[in-house]
Amino acid sequence: MDRSSETIPERLDEVLSQGELDCCEASLALNRSDVVETLVGKLVAAAEEAGANCIVTVCGMCHINLDTRQRSTPVPIFYLTELMGLAFDLPGWEKWFRKHLTNPLPLLKSLGLVGQRF
């Protein structure tokens, strides 16, 4: 895939998509983890039902909760700025994705968004 002729908005559109906004209620993680686990389950189930191949968060706590508390088939979870960094071709993005519990690299490779060497 030759990405050199794409504009930044085209690359962002390729990596990011519109979706629903919802919350995992991360503020309850310590004193009501049962609530957080229920909400995470609902969020992941809704994504799977919608046919999503990943979930993108704008909240670091939601990212952590979704990545660590999924019970079903693991779905890659991305923090919005990670995808922006990938779209802007910032150096070092490979290291970001290695820290995820659910490895997102197979999905990114299948979509042609990263090279096969990763």
PDB file of N, CA and C in Angstrom:
ATOM      1  N   MET A   1       0.840  -1.170   0.000  1.00  0.00           N
ATOM      2  CA  MET A   1       0.000   0.000   0.000  1.00  0.00           C
ATOM      3  C   MET A   1       0.892   1.243   0.000  1.00  0.00           C
ATOM      4  N   ASP A   2       0.754   2.101  -1.004  1.00  0.00           N
ATOM      5  CA  ASP A   2       1.531   3.330  -1.086  1.00  0.00           C
ATOM      6  C   ASP A   2       0.776   4.444  -0.376  1.00  0.00           C
ATOM      7  N   ARG A   3       1.265   4.796   0.818  1.00  0.00           N
ATOM      8  CA  ARG A   3       0.594   5.819   1.616  1.00  0.00           C
ATOM      9  C   ARG A   3       1.211   7.189   1.400  1.00  0.00           C
ATOM     10  N   SER A   4       2.235   7.305   0.576  1.00  0.00           N
ATOM     11  CA  SER A   4       2.949   8.572   0.426  1.00  0.00           C
ATOM     12  C   SER A   4       2.101   9.667  -0.212  1.00  0.00           C
ATOM     13  N   SER A   5       1.114   9.303  -1.000  1.00  0.00           N
ATOM     14  CA  SER A   5       0.295  10.316  -1.669  1.00  0.00           C
ATOM     15  C   SER A   5      -0.955  10.697  -0.867  1.00  0.00           C
ATOM     16  N   GLU A   6      -1.204  10.006   0.234  1.00  0.00           N
ATOM     17  CA  GLU A   6      -2.383  10.315   1.037  1.00  0.00           C
ATOM     18  C   GLU A   6      -2.171  11.586   1.857  1.00  0.00           C
ATOM     19  N   THR A   7      -3.256  12.333   2.036  1.00  0.00           N
ATOM     20  CA  THR A   7      -3.199  13.499   2.905  1.00  0.00           C
ATOM     21  C   THR A   7      -3.428  13.033   4.346  1.00  0.00           C
ATOM     22  N   ILE A   8      -3.089  13.877   5.291  1.00  0.00           N
ATOM     23  CA  ILE A   8      -3.298  13.518   6.702  1.00  0.00           C
ATOM     24  C   ILE A   8      -4.776  13.217   6.979  1.00  0.00           C
ATOM     25  N   PRO A   9      -5.726  14.046   6.513  1.00  0.00           N
ATOM     26  CA  PRO A   9      -7.128  13.685   6.757  1.00  0.00           C
ATOM     27  C   PRO A   9      -7.509  12.326   6.154  1.00  0.00           C
ATOM     28  N   GLU A  10      -6.977  12.000   4.997  1.00  0.00           N
ATOM     29  CA  GLU A  10      -7.268  10.692   4.402  1.00  0.00           C
ATOM     30  C   GLU A  10      -6.710   9.568   5.262  1.00  0.00           C
ATOM     31  N   ARG A  11      -5.512   9.767   5.789  1.00  0.00           N
ATOM     32  CA  ARG A  11      -4.910   8.743   6.644  1.00  0.00           C
ATOM     33  C   ARG A  11      -5.668   8.616   7.956  1.00  0.00           C
ATOM     34  N   LEU A  12      -6.105   9.754   8.523  1.00  0.00           N
ATOM     35  CA  LEU A  12      -6.913   9.693   9.742  1.00  0.00           C
ATOM     36  C   LEU A  12      -8.223   8.958   9.488  1.00  0.00           C
ATOM     37  N   ASP A  13      -8.854   9.262   8.363  1.00  0.00           N
ATOM     38  CA  ASP A  13     -10.104   8.596   8.025  1.00  0.00           C
ATOM     39  C   ASP A  13      -9.894   7.091   7.864  1.00  0.00           C
ATOM     40  N   GLU A  14      -8.743   6.704   7.348  1.00  0.00           N
ATOM     41  CA  GLU A  14      -8.429   5.293   7.153  1.00  0.00           C
ATOM     42  C   GLU A  14      -8.283   4.570   8.497  1.00  0.00           C
ATOM     43  N   VAL A  15      -7.681   5.244   9.469  1.00  0.00           N
ATOM     44  CA  VAL A  15      -7.386   4.607  10.747  1.00  0.00           C
ATOM     45  C   VAL A  15      -8.541   4.752  11.737  1.00  0.00           C
ATOM     46  N   LEU A  16      -9.209   5.891  11.708  1.00  0.00           N
ATOM     47  CA  LEU A  16     -10.268   6.164  12.676  1.00  0.00           C
ATOM     48  C   LEU A  16     -11.636   6.034  12.019  1.00  0.00           C
ATOM     49  N   SER A  17     -12.622   5.663  12.801  1.00  0.00           N
ATOM     50  CA  SER A  17     -13.991   5.611  12.278  1.00  0.00           C
ATOM     51  C   SER A  17     -14.939   6.182  13.312  1.00  0.00           C
ATOM     52  N   GLN A  18     -16.121   6.520  12.867  1.00  0.00           N
ATOM     53  CA  GLN A  18     -17.123   7.036  13.786  1.00  0.00           C
ATOM     54  C   GLN A  18     -17.736   5.869  14.538  1.00  0.00           C
ATOM     55  N   GLY A  19     -18.148   6.135  15.743  1.00  0.00           N
ATOM     56  CA  GLY A  19     -18.779   5.093  16.539  1.00  0.00           C
ATOM     57  C   GLY A  19     -19.524   5.706  17.698  1.00  0.00           C
ATOM     58  N   GLU A  20     -20.021   4.857  18.562  1.00  0.00           N
ATOM     59  CA  GLU A  20     -20.752   5.319  19.733  1.00  0.00           C
ATOM     60  C   GLU A  20     -19.804   5.676  20.857  1.00  0.00           C
ATOM     61  N   LEU A  21     -20.229   6.612  21.686  1.00  0.00           N
ATOM     62  CA  LEU A  21     -19.468   6.959  22.871  1.00  0.00           C
ATOM     63  C   LEU A  21     -20.188   6.398  24.084  1.00  0.00           C
ATOM     64  N   ASP A  22     -19.445   5.764  24.958  1.00  0.00           N
ATOM     65  CA  ASP A  22     -19.992   5.240  26.196  1.00  0.00           C
ATOM     66  C   ASP A  22     -18.868   5.211  27.211  1.00  0.00           C
ATOM     67  N   CYS A  23     -19.174   4.885  28.450  1.00  0.00           N
ATOM     68  CA  CYS A  23     -18.184   4.951  29.519  1.00  0.00           C
ATOM     69  C   CYS A  23     -18.160   3.651  30.304  1.00  0.00           C
ATOM     70  N   CYS A  24     -16.981   3.314  30.817  1.00  0.00           N
ATOM     71  CA  CYS A  24     -16.830   2.112  31.638  1.00  0.00           C
ATOM     72  C   CYS A  24     -16.962   2.436  33.119  1.00  0.00           C
ATOM     73  N   GLU A  25     -17.163   3.721  33.455  1.00  0.00           N
ATOM     74  CA  GLU A  25     -17.255   4.183  34.844  1.00  0.00           C
ATOM     75  C   GLU A  25     -16.012   3.814  35.639  1.00  0.00           C
ATOM     76  N   ALA A  26     -14.862   4.141  35.086  1.00  0.00           N
ATOM     77  CA  ALA A  26     -13.580   3.800  35.697  1.00  0.00           C
ATOM     78  C   ALA A  26     -13.436   4.327  37.115  1.00  0.00           C
ATOM     79  N   SER A  27     -14.121   5.396  37.439  1.00  0.00           N
ATOM     80  CA  SER A  27     -14.010   5.950  38.792  1.00  0.00           C
ATOM     81  C   SER A  27     -14.500   4.962  39.852  1.00  0.00           C
ATOM     82  N   LEU A  28     -15.243   3.956  39.428  1.00  0.00           N
ATOM     83  CA  LEU A  28     -15.752   2.949  40.365  1.00  0.00           C
ATOM     84  C   LEU A  28     -14.868   1.711  40.443  1.00  0.00           C
ATOM     85  N   ALA A  29     -13.739   1.711  39.743  1.00  0.00           N
ATOM     86  CA  ALA A  29     -12.906   0.508  39.620  1.00  0.00           C
ATOM     87  C   ALA A  29     -12.446  -0.045  40.962  1.00  0.00           C
ATOM     88  N   LEU A  30     -12.157   0.785  41.914  1.00  0.00           N
ATOM     89  CA  LEU A  30     -11.660   0.291  43.195  1.00  0.00           C
ATOM     90  C   LEU A  30     -12.765  -0.127  44.157  1.00  0.00           C
ATOM     91  N   ASN A  31     -13.822   0.673  44.257  1.00  0.00           N
ATOM     92  CA  ASN A  31     -14.841   0.347  45.251  1.00  0.00           C
ATOM     93  C   ASN A  31     -16.047  -0.403  44.688  1.00  0.00           C
ATOM     94  N   ARG A  32     -16.238  -0.421  43.382  1.00  0.00           N
ATOM     95  CA  ARG A  32     -17.367  -1.155  42.785  1.00  0.00           C
ATOM     96  C   ARG A  32     -16.911  -1.813  41.486  1.00  0.00           C
ATOM     97  N   SER A  33     -15.907  -2.666  41.585  1.00  0.00           N
ATOM     98  CA  SER A  33     -15.373  -3.313  40.386  1.00  0.00           C
ATOM     99  C   SER A  33     -16.434  -4.151  39.686  1.00  0.00           C
ATOM    100  N   ASP A  34     -17.435  -4.623  40.437  1.00  0.00           N
ATOM    101  CA  ASP A  34     -18.517  -5.391  39.818  1.00  0.00           C
ATOM    102  C   ASP A  34     -19.280  -4.552  38.799  1.00  0.00           C
ATOM    103  N   VAL A  35     -19.484  -3.278  39.104  1.00  0.00           N
ATOM    104  CA  VAL A  35     -20.178  -2.374  38.180  1.00  0.00           C
ATOM    105  C   VAL A  35     -19.331  -2.167  36.927  1.00  0.00           C
ATOM    106  N   VAL A  36     -18.031  -1.942  37.130  1.00  0.00           N
ATOM    107  CA  VAL A  36     -17.127  -1.719  36.002  1.00  0.00           C
ATOM    108  C   VAL A  36     -17.073  -2.957  35.116  1.00  0.00           C
ATOM    109  N   GLU A  37     -16.978  -4.143  35.713  1.00  0.00           N
ATOM    110  CA  GLU A  37     -16.925  -5.375  34.927  1.00  0.00           C
ATOM    111  C   GLU A  37     -18.201  -5.580  34.130  1.00  0.00           C
ATOM    112  N   THR A  38     -19.348  -5.246  34.722  1.00  0.00           N
ATOM    113  CA  THR A  38     -20.621  -5.352  34.000  1.00  0.00           C
ATOM    114  C   THR A  38     -20.655  -4.388  32.819  1.00  0.00           C
ATOM    115  N   LEU A  39     -20.241  -3.141  33.044  1.00  0.00           N
ATOM    116  CA  LEU A  39     -20.243  -2.148  31.966  1.00  0.00           C
ATOM    117  C   LEU A  39     -19.245  -2.504  30.871  1.00  0.00           C
ATOM    118  N   VAL A  40     -18.074  -2.980  31.240  1.00  0.00           N
ATOM    119  CA  VAL A  40     -17.091  -3.412  30.243  1.00  0.00           C
ATOM    120  C   VAL A  40     -17.674  -4.544  29.404  1.00  0.00           C
ATOM    121  N   GLY A  41     -18.324  -5.503  30.060  1.00  0.00           N
ATOM    122  CA  GLY A  41     -18.958  -6.601  29.329  1.00  0.00           C
ATOM    123  C   GLY A  41     -19.988  -6.103  28.330  1.00  0.00           C
ATOM    124  N   LYS A  42     -20.783  -5.114  28.748  1.00  0.00           N
ATOM    125  CA  LYS A  42     -21.801  -4.549  27.853  1.00  0.00           C
ATOM    126  C   LYS A  42     -21.158  -3.806  26.677  1.00  0.00           C
ATOM    127  N   LEU A  43     -20.100  -3.049  26.958  1.00  0.00           N
ATOM    128  CA  LEU A  43     -19.424  -2.306  25.895  1.00  0.00           C
ATOM    129  C   LEU A  43     -18.804  -3.251  24.866  1.00  0.00           C
ATOM    130  N   VAL A  44     -18.135  -4.284  25.343  1.00  0.00           N
ATOM    131  CA  VAL A  44     -17.511  -5.241  24.422  1.00  0.00           C
ATOM    132  C   VAL A  44     -18.581  -6.005  23.645  1.00  0.00           C
ATOM    133  N   ALA A  45     -19.653  -6.409  24.314  1.00  0.00           N
ATOM    134  CA  ALA A  45     -20.736  -7.119  23.633  1.00  0.00           C
ATOM    135  C   ALA A  45     -21.386  -6.239  22.564  1.00  0.00           C
ATOM    136  N   ALA A  46     -21.588  -4.969  22.866  1.00  0.00           N
ATOM    137  CA  ALA A  46     -22.176  -4.051  21.875  1.00  0.00           C
ATOM    138  C   ALA A  46     -21.251  -3.887  20.680  1.00  0.00           C
ATOM    139  N   ALA A  47     -19.954  -3.803  20.935  1.00  0.00           N
ATOM    140  CA  ALA A  47     -18.998  -3.683  19.832  1.00  0.00           C
ATOM    141  C   ALA A  47     -19.026  -4.937  18.966  1.00  0.00           C
ATOM    142  N   GLU A  48     -19.033  -6.107  19.609  1.00  0.00           N
ATOM    143  CA  GLU A  48     -19.077  -7.363  18.856  1.00  0.00           C
ATOM    144  C   GLU A  48     -20.371  -7.473  18.049  1.00  0.00           C
ATOM    145  N   GLU A  49     -21.484  -7.096  18.663  1.00  0.00           N
ATOM    146  CA  GLU A  49     -22.781  -7.152  17.982  1.00  0.00           C
ATOM    147  C   GLU A  49     -22.815  -6.222  16.768  1.00  0.00           C
ATOM    148  N   ALA A  50     -22.138  -5.094  16.883  1.00  0.00           N
ATOM    149  CA  ALA A  50     -22.085  -4.128  15.776  1.00  0.00           C
ATOM    150  C   ALA A  50     -21.101  -4.554  14.693  1.00  0.00           C
ATOM    151  N   GLY A  51     -20.345  -5.631  14.957  1.00  0.00           N
ATOM    152  CA  GLY A  51     -19.376  -6.103  13.978  1.00  0.00           C
ATOM    153  C   GLY A  51     -18.048  -5.366  14.042  1.00  0.00           C
ATOM    154  N   ALA A  52     -17.801  -4.678  15.156  1.00  0.00           N
ATOM    155  CA  ALA A  52     -16.546  -3.923  15.297  1.00  0.00           C
ATOM    156  C   ALA A  52     -15.372  -4.886  15.413  1.00  0.00           C
ATOM    157  N   ASN A  53     -14.249  -4.495  14.848  1.00  0.00           N
ATOM    158  CA  ASN A  53     -13.044  -5.310  14.968  1.00  0.00           C
ATOM    159  C   ASN A  53     -12.105  -4.759  16.039  1.00  0.00           C
ATOM    160  N   CYS A  54     -12.489  -3.622  16.658  1.00  0.00           N
ATOM    161  CA  CYS A  54     -11.711  -3.042  17.743  1.00  0.00           C
ATOM    162  C   CYS A  54     -12.584  -2.010  18.455  1.00  0.00           C
ATOM    163  N   ILE A  55     -12.052  -1.491  19.562  1.00  0.00           N
ATOM    164  CA  ILE A  55     -12.700  -0.405  20.298  1.00  0.00           C
ATOM    165  C   ILE A  55     -11.664   0.696  20.469  1.00  0.00           C
ATOM    166  N   VAL A  56     -12.091   1.941  20.247  1.00  0.00           N
ATOM    167  CA  VAL A  56     -11.206   3.098  20.405  1.00  0.00           C
ATOM    168  C   VAL A  56     -11.731   3.921  21.570  1.00  0.00           C
ATOM    169  N   THR A  57     -10.827   4.280  22.501  1.00  0.00           N
ATOM    170  CA  THR A  57     -11.220   5.069  23.659  1.00  0.00           C
ATOM    171  C   THR A  57     -10.551   6.434  23.618  1.00  0.00           C
ATOM    172  N   VAL A  58     -11.151   7.374  24.309  1.00  0.00           N
ATOM    173  CA  VAL A  58     -10.544   8.688  24.494  1.00  0.00           C
ATOM    174  C   VAL A  58     -10.158   8.887  25.953  1.00  0.00           C
ATOM    175  N   CYS A  59     -10.316   7.855  26.741  1.00  0.00           N
ATOM    176  CA  CYS A  59     -10.033   7.902  28.175  1.00  0.00           C
ATOM    177  C   CYS A  59      -9.029   6.801  28.514  1.00  0.00           C
ATOM    178  N   GLY A  60      -7.944   7.178  29.153  1.00  0.00           N
ATOM    179  CA  GLY A  60      -6.933   6.207  29.530  1.00  0.00           C
ATOM    180  C   GLY A  60      -7.453   5.139  30.472  1.00  0.00           C
ATOM    181  N   MET A  61      -8.326   5.520  31.394  1.00  0.00           N
ATOM    182  CA  MET A  61      -8.885   4.535  32.326  1.00  0.00           C
ATOM    183  C   MET A  61      -9.816   3.563  31.608  1.00  0.00           C
ATOM    184  N   CYS A  62     -10.603   4.066  30.667  1.00  0.00           N
ATOM    185  CA  CYS A  62     -11.453   3.155  29.880  1.00  0.00           C
ATOM    186  C   CYS A  62     -10.574   2.184  29.090  1.00  0.00           C
ATOM    187  N   HIS A  63      -9.481   2.693  28.539  1.00  0.00           N
ATOM    188  CA  HIS A  63      -8.573   1.828  27.788  1.00  0.00           C
ATOM    189  C   HIS A  63      -8.065   0.696  28.670  1.00  0.00           C
ATOM    190  N   ILE A  64      -7.597   1.026  29.860  1.00  0.00           N
ATOM    191  CA  ILE A  64      -7.084   0.012  30.781  1.00  0.00           C
ATOM    192  C   ILE A  64      -8.176  -0.968  31.188  1.00  0.00           C
ATOM    193  N   ASN A  65      -9.342  -0.451  31.563  1.00  0.00           N
ATOM    194  CA  ASN A  65     -10.430  -1.336  31.986  1.00  0.00           C
ATOM    195  C   ASN A  65     -10.891  -2.260  30.870  1.00  0.00           C
ATOM    196  N   LEU A  66     -11.033  -1.718  29.672  1.00  0.00           N
ATOM    197  CA  LEU A  66     -11.478  -2.559  28.553  1.00  0.00           C
ATOM    198  C   LEU A  66     -10.423  -3.598  28.185  1.00  0.00           C
ATOM    199  N   ASP A  67      -9.169  -3.216  28.215  1.00  0.00           N
ATOM    200  CA  ASP A  67      -8.107  -4.151  27.839  1.00  0.00           C
ATOM    201  C   ASP A  67      -7.906  -5.237  28.887  1.00  0.00           C
ATOM    202  N   THR A  68      -8.115  -4.923  30.159  1.00  0.00           N
ATOM    203  CA  THR A  68      -7.845  -5.895  31.221  1.00  0.00           C
ATOM    204  C   THR A  68      -9.064  -6.681  31.682  1.00  0.00           C
ATOM    205  N   ARG A  69     -10.263  -6.192  31.439  1.00  0.00           N
ATOM    206  CA  ARG A  69     -11.455  -6.831  32.010  1.00  0.00           C
ATOM    207  C   ARG A  69     -12.358  -7.529  30.995  1.00  0.00           C
ATOM    208  N   GLN A  70     -11.946  -7.635  29.748  1.00  0.00           N
ATOM    209  CA  GLN A  70     -12.777  -8.341  28.762  1.00  0.00           C
ATOM    210  C   GLN A  70     -12.840  -9.818  29.121  1.00  0.00           C
ATOM    211  N   ARG A  71     -13.996 -10.385  28.996  1.00  0.00           N
ATOM    212  CA  ARG A  71     -14.153 -11.798  29.320  1.00  0.00           C
ATOM    213  C   ARG A  71     -14.366 -12.650  28.071  1.00  0.00           C
ATOM    214  N   SER A  72     -14.927 -12.079  27.042  1.00  0.00           N
ATOM    215  CA  SER A  72     -15.207 -12.833  25.820  1.00  0.00           C
ATOM    216  C   SER A  72     -13.957 -12.877  24.942  1.00  0.00           C
ATOM    217  N   THR A  73     -14.140 -13.180  23.683  1.00  0.00           N
ATOM    218  CA  THR A  73     -13.019 -13.168  22.743  1.00  0.00           C
ATOM    219  C   THR A  73     -12.374 -11.796  22.770  1.00  0.00           C
ATOM    220  N   PRO A  74     -11.092 -11.720  23.040  1.00  0.00           N
ATOM    221  CA  PRO A  74     -10.443 -10.408  23.163  1.00  0.00           C
ATOM    222  C   PRO A  74     -10.565  -9.558  21.901  1.00  0.00           C
ATOM    223  N   VAL A  75     -10.942  -8.309  22.103  1.00  0.00           N
ATOM    224  CA  VAL A  75     -11.058  -7.321  21.035  1.00  0.00           C
ATOM    225  C   VAL A  75      -9.940  -6.301  21.265  1.00  0.00           C
ATOM    226  N   PRO A  76      -9.162  -5.963  20.254  1.00  0.00           N
ATOM    227  CA  PRO A  76      -8.128  -4.943  20.457  1.00  0.00           C
ATOM    228  C   PRO A  76      -8.733  -3.613  20.903  1.00  0.00           C
ATOM    229  N   ILE A  77      -8.086  -2.998  21.875  1.00  0.00           N
ATOM    230  CA  ILE A  77      -8.518  -1.708  22.405  1.00  0.00           C
ATOM    231  C   ILE A  77      -7.426  -0.694  22.069  1.00  0.00           C
ATOM    232  N   PHE A  78      -7.830   0.424  21.506  1.00  0.00           N
ATOM    233  CA  PHE A  78      -6.879   1.481  21.156  1.00  0.00           C
ATOM    234  C   PHE A  78      -7.227   2.758  21.902  1.00  0.00           C
ATOM    235  N   TYR A  79      -6.196   3.469  22.289  1.00  0.00           N
ATOM    236  CA  TYR A  79      -6.367   4.817  22.793  1.00  0.00           C
ATOM    237  C   TYR A  79      -6.293   5.718  21.565  1.00  0.00           C
ATOM    238  N   LEU A  80      -7.177   6.676  21.442  1.00  0.00           N
ATOM    239  CA  LEU A  80      -7.293   7.506  20.244  1.00  0.00           C
ATOM    240  C   LEU A  80      -5.945   8.059  19.777  1.00  0.00           C
ATOM    241  N   THR A  81      -5.145   8.527  20.711  1.00  0.00           N
ATOM    242  CA  THR A  81      -3.879   9.139  20.312  1.00  0.00           C
ATOM    243  C   THR A  81      -2.903   8.114  19.733  1.00  0.00           C
ATOM    244  N   GLU A  82      -3.044   6.835  20.079  1.00  0.00           N
ATOM    245  CA  GLU A  82      -2.206   5.807  19.458  1.00  0.00           C
ATOM    246  C   GLU A  82      -2.498   5.719  17.968  1.00  0.00           C
ATOM    247  N   LEU A  83      -3.770   5.750  17.625  1.00  0.00           N
ATOM    248  CA  LEU A  83      -4.150   5.678  16.213  1.00  0.00           C
ATOM    249  C   LEU A  83      -3.770   6.955  15.475  1.00  0.00           C
ATOM    250  N   MET A  84      -3.842   8.066  16.170  1.00  0.00           N
ATOM    251  CA  MET A  84      -3.402   9.316  15.549  1.00  0.00           C
ATOM    252  C   MET A  84      -1.904   9.249  15.275  1.00  0.00           C
ATOM    253  N   GLY A  85      -1.127   8.745  16.227  1.00  0.00           N
ATOM    254  CA  GLY A  85       0.309   8.593  16.022  1.00  0.00           C
ATOM    255  C   GLY A  85       0.621   7.679  14.863  1.00  0.00           C
ATOM    256  N   LEU A  86      -0.155   6.598  14.737  1.00  0.00           N
ATOM    257  CA  LEU A  86       0.022   5.681  13.613  1.00  0.00           C
ATOM    258  C   LEU A  86      -0.309   6.394  12.295  1.00  0.00           C
ATOM    259  N   ALA A  87      -1.400   7.155  12.283  1.00  0.00           N
ATOM    260  CA  ALA A  87      -1.802   7.875  11.069  1.00  0.00           C
ATOM    261  C   ALA A  87      -0.770   8.925  10.673  1.00  0.00           C
ATOM    262  N   PHE A  88      -0.148   9.562  11.671  1.00  0.00           N
ATOM    263  CA  PHE A  88       0.869  10.577  11.400  1.00  0.00           C
ATOM    264  C   PHE A  88       2.241   9.957  11.180  1.00  0.00           C
ATOM    265  N   ASP A  89       2.309   8.629  11.261  1.00  0.00           N
ATOM    266  CA  ASP A  89       3.555   7.882  11.055  1.00  0.00           C
ATOM    267  C   ASP A  89       4.656   8.333  12.017  1.00  0.00           C
ATOM    268  N   LEU A  90       4.265   8.543  13.280  1.00  0.00           N
ATOM    269  CA  LEU A  90       5.239   8.945  14.292  1.00  0.00           C
ATOM    270  C   LEU A  90       6.162   7.777  14.618  1.00  0.00           C
ATOM    271  N   PRO A  91       7.408   8.048  14.932  1.00  0.00           N
ATOM    272  CA  PRO A  91       8.337   6.966  15.268  1.00  0.00           C
ATOM    273  C   PRO A  91       7.988   6.338  16.619  1.00  0.00           C
ATOM    274  N   GLY A  92       8.266   5.055  16.742  1.00  0.00           N
ATOM    275  CA  GLY A  92       8.100   4.361  18.015  1.00  0.00           C
ATOM    276  C   GLY A  92       6.739   3.750  18.269  1.00  0.00           C
ATOM    277  N   TRP A  93       5.825   3.827  17.307  1.00  0.00           N
ATOM    278  CA  TRP A  93       4.475   3.310  17.550  1.00  0.00           C
ATOM    279  C   TRP A  93       4.481   1.812  17.859  1.00  0.00           C
ATOM    280  N   GLU A  94       5.466   1.078  17.350  1.00  0.00           N
ATOM    281  CA  GLU A  94       5.522  -0.369  17.586  1.00  0.00           C
ATOM    282  C   GLU A  94       5.564  -0.661  19.082  1.00  0.00           C
ATOM    283  N   LYS A  95       6.263   0.172  19.830  1.00  0.00           N
ATOM    284  CA  LYS A  95       6.395  -0.020  21.275  1.00  0.00           C
ATOM    285  C   LYS A  95       5.078   0.194  21.998  1.00  0.00           C
ATOM    286  N   TRP A  96       4.257   1.123  21.513  1.00  0.00           N
ATOM    287  CA  TRP A  96       2.984   1.394  22.179  1.00  0.00           C
ATOM    288  C   TRP A  96       2.108   0.155  22.173  1.00  0.00           C
ATOM    289  N   PHE A  97       2.009  -0.470  21.003  1.00  0.00           N
ATOM    290  CA  PHE A  97       1.079  -1.577  20.848  1.00  0.00           C
ATOM    291  C   PHE A  97       1.556  -2.846  21.546  1.00  0.00           C
ATOM    292  N   ARG A  98       2.836  -2.977  21.796  1.00  0.00           N
ATOM    293  CA  ARG A  98       3.351  -4.153  22.513  1.00  0.00           C
ATOM    294  C   ARG A  98       2.938  -4.159  23.979  1.00  0.00           C
ATOM    295  N   LYS A  99       2.491  -3.022  24.484  1.00  0.00           N
ATOM    296  CA  LYS A  99       2.085  -2.928  25.889  1.00  0.00           C
ATOM    297  C   LYS A  99       0.628  -3.346  26.103  1.00  0.00           C
ATOM    298  N   HIS A 100      -0.100  -3.573  25.042  1.00  0.00           N
ATOM    299  CA  HIS A 100      -1.501  -3.971  25.167  1.00  0.00           C
ATOM    300  C   HIS A 100      -1.598  -5.428  25.607  1.00  0.00           C
ATOM    301  N   LEU A 101      -2.609  -5.751  26.388  1.00  0.00           N
ATOM    302  CA  LEU A 101      -2.837  -7.154  26.747  1.00  0.00           C
ATOM    303  C   LEU A 101      -3.393  -7.928  25.560  1.00  0.00           C
ATOM    304  N   THR A 102      -4.305  -7.300  24.829  1.00  0.00           N
ATOM    305  CA  THR A 102      -4.822  -7.899  23.602  1.00  0.00           C
ATOM    306  C   THR A 102      -4.010  -7.321  22.458  1.00  0.00           C
ATOM    307  N   ASN A 103      -3.211  -8.152  21.837  1.00  0.00           N
ATOM    308  CA  ASN A 103      -2.284  -7.704  20.794  1.00  0.00           C
ATOM    309  C   ASN A 103      -3.057  -7.143  19.598  1.00  0.00           C
ATOM    310  N   PRO A 104      -2.896  -5.847  19.296  1.00  0.00           N
ATOM    311  CA  PRO A 104      -3.612  -5.254  18.170  1.00  0.00           C
ATOM    312  C   PRO A 104      -2.886  -5.403  16.830  1.00  0.00           C
ATOM    313  N   LEU A 105      -1.635  -5.874  16.851  1.00  0.00           N
ATOM    314  CA  LEU A 105      -0.858  -5.930  15.608  1.00  0.00           C
ATOM    315  C   LEU A 105      -1.465  -6.836  14.539  1.00  0.00           C
ATOM    316  N   PRO A 106      -2.010  -8.006  14.887  1.00  0.00           N
ATOM    317  CA  PRO A 106      -2.643  -8.811  13.820  1.00  0.00           C
ATOM    318  C   PRO A 106      -3.769  -8.060  13.100  1.00  0.00           C
ATOM    319  N   LEU A 107      -4.569  -7.317  13.850  1.00  0.00           N
ATOM    320  CA  LEU A 107      -5.643  -6.535  13.219  1.00  0.00           C
ATOM    321  C   LEU A 107      -5.057  -5.446  12.332  1.00  0.00           C
ATOM    322  N   LEU A 108      -4.078  -4.713  12.840  1.00  0.00           N
ATOM    323  CA  LEU A 108      -3.476  -3.639  12.051  1.00  0.00           C
ATOM    324  C   LEU A 108      -2.824  -4.189  10.784  1.00  0.00           C
ATOM    325  N   LYS A 109      -2.181  -5.355  10.889  1.00  0.00           N
ATOM    326  CA  LYS A 109      -1.576  -5.988   9.705  1.00  0.00           C
ATOM    327  C   LYS A 109      -2.648  -6.388   8.706  1.00  0.00           C
ATOM    328  N   SER A 110      -3.745  -6.994   9.198  1.00  0.00           N
ATOM    329  CA  SER A 110      -4.806  -7.463   8.296  1.00  0.00           C
ATOM    330  C   SER A 110      -5.467  -6.311   7.551  1.00  0.00           C
ATOM    331  N   LEU A 111      -5.446  -5.130   8.152  1.00  0.00           N
ATOM    332  CA  LEU A 111      -6.023  -3.944   7.517  1.00  0.00           C
ATOM    333  C   LEU A 111      -5.006  -3.198   6.653  1.00  0.00           C
ATOM    334  N   GLY A 112      -3.771  -3.696   6.627  1.00  0.00           N
ATOM    335  CA  GLY A 112      -2.736  -3.057   5.833  1.00  0.00           C
ATOM    336  C   GLY A 112      -2.250  -1.747   6.418  1.00  0.00           C
ATOM    337  N   LEU A 113      -2.427  -1.563   7.726  1.00  0.00           N
ATOM    338  CA  LEU A 113      -2.042  -0.307   8.362  1.00  0.00           C
ATOM    339  C   LEU A 113      -0.624  -0.335   8.912  1.00  0.00           C
ATOM    340  N   VAL A 114      -0.065  -1.528   9.039  1.00  0.00           N
ATOM    341  CA  VAL A 114       1.338  -1.663   9.457  1.00  0.00           C
ATOM    342  C   VAL A 114       1.984  -2.725   8.577  1.00  0.00           C
ATOM    343  N   GLY A 115       3.304  -2.671   8.502  1.00  0.00           N
ATOM    344  CA  GLY A 115       4.038  -3.646   7.684  1.00  0.00           C
ATOM    345  C   GLY A 115       4.026  -5.033   8.283  1.00  0.00           C
ATOM    346  N   GLN A 116       4.363  -6.004   7.506  1.00  0.00           N
ATOM    347  CA  GLN A 116       4.350  -7.397   7.935  1.00  0.00           C
ATOM    348  C   GLN A 116       5.480  -7.742   8.886  1.00  0.00           C
ATOM    349  N   ARG A 117       6.471  -6.870   9.021  1.00  0.00           N
ATOM    350  CA  ARG A 117       7.603  -7.190   9.903  1.00  0.00           C
ATOM    351  C   ARG A 117       7.249  -7.092  11.376  1.00  0.00           C
ATOM    352  N   PHE A 118       6.119  -6.511  11.729  1.00  0.00           N
ATOM    353  CA  PHE A 118       5.761  -6.337  13.133  1.00  0.00           C
ATOM    354  C   PHE A 118       4.843  -7.410  13.599  1.00  0.00           C
TER     355      PHE A 118
END
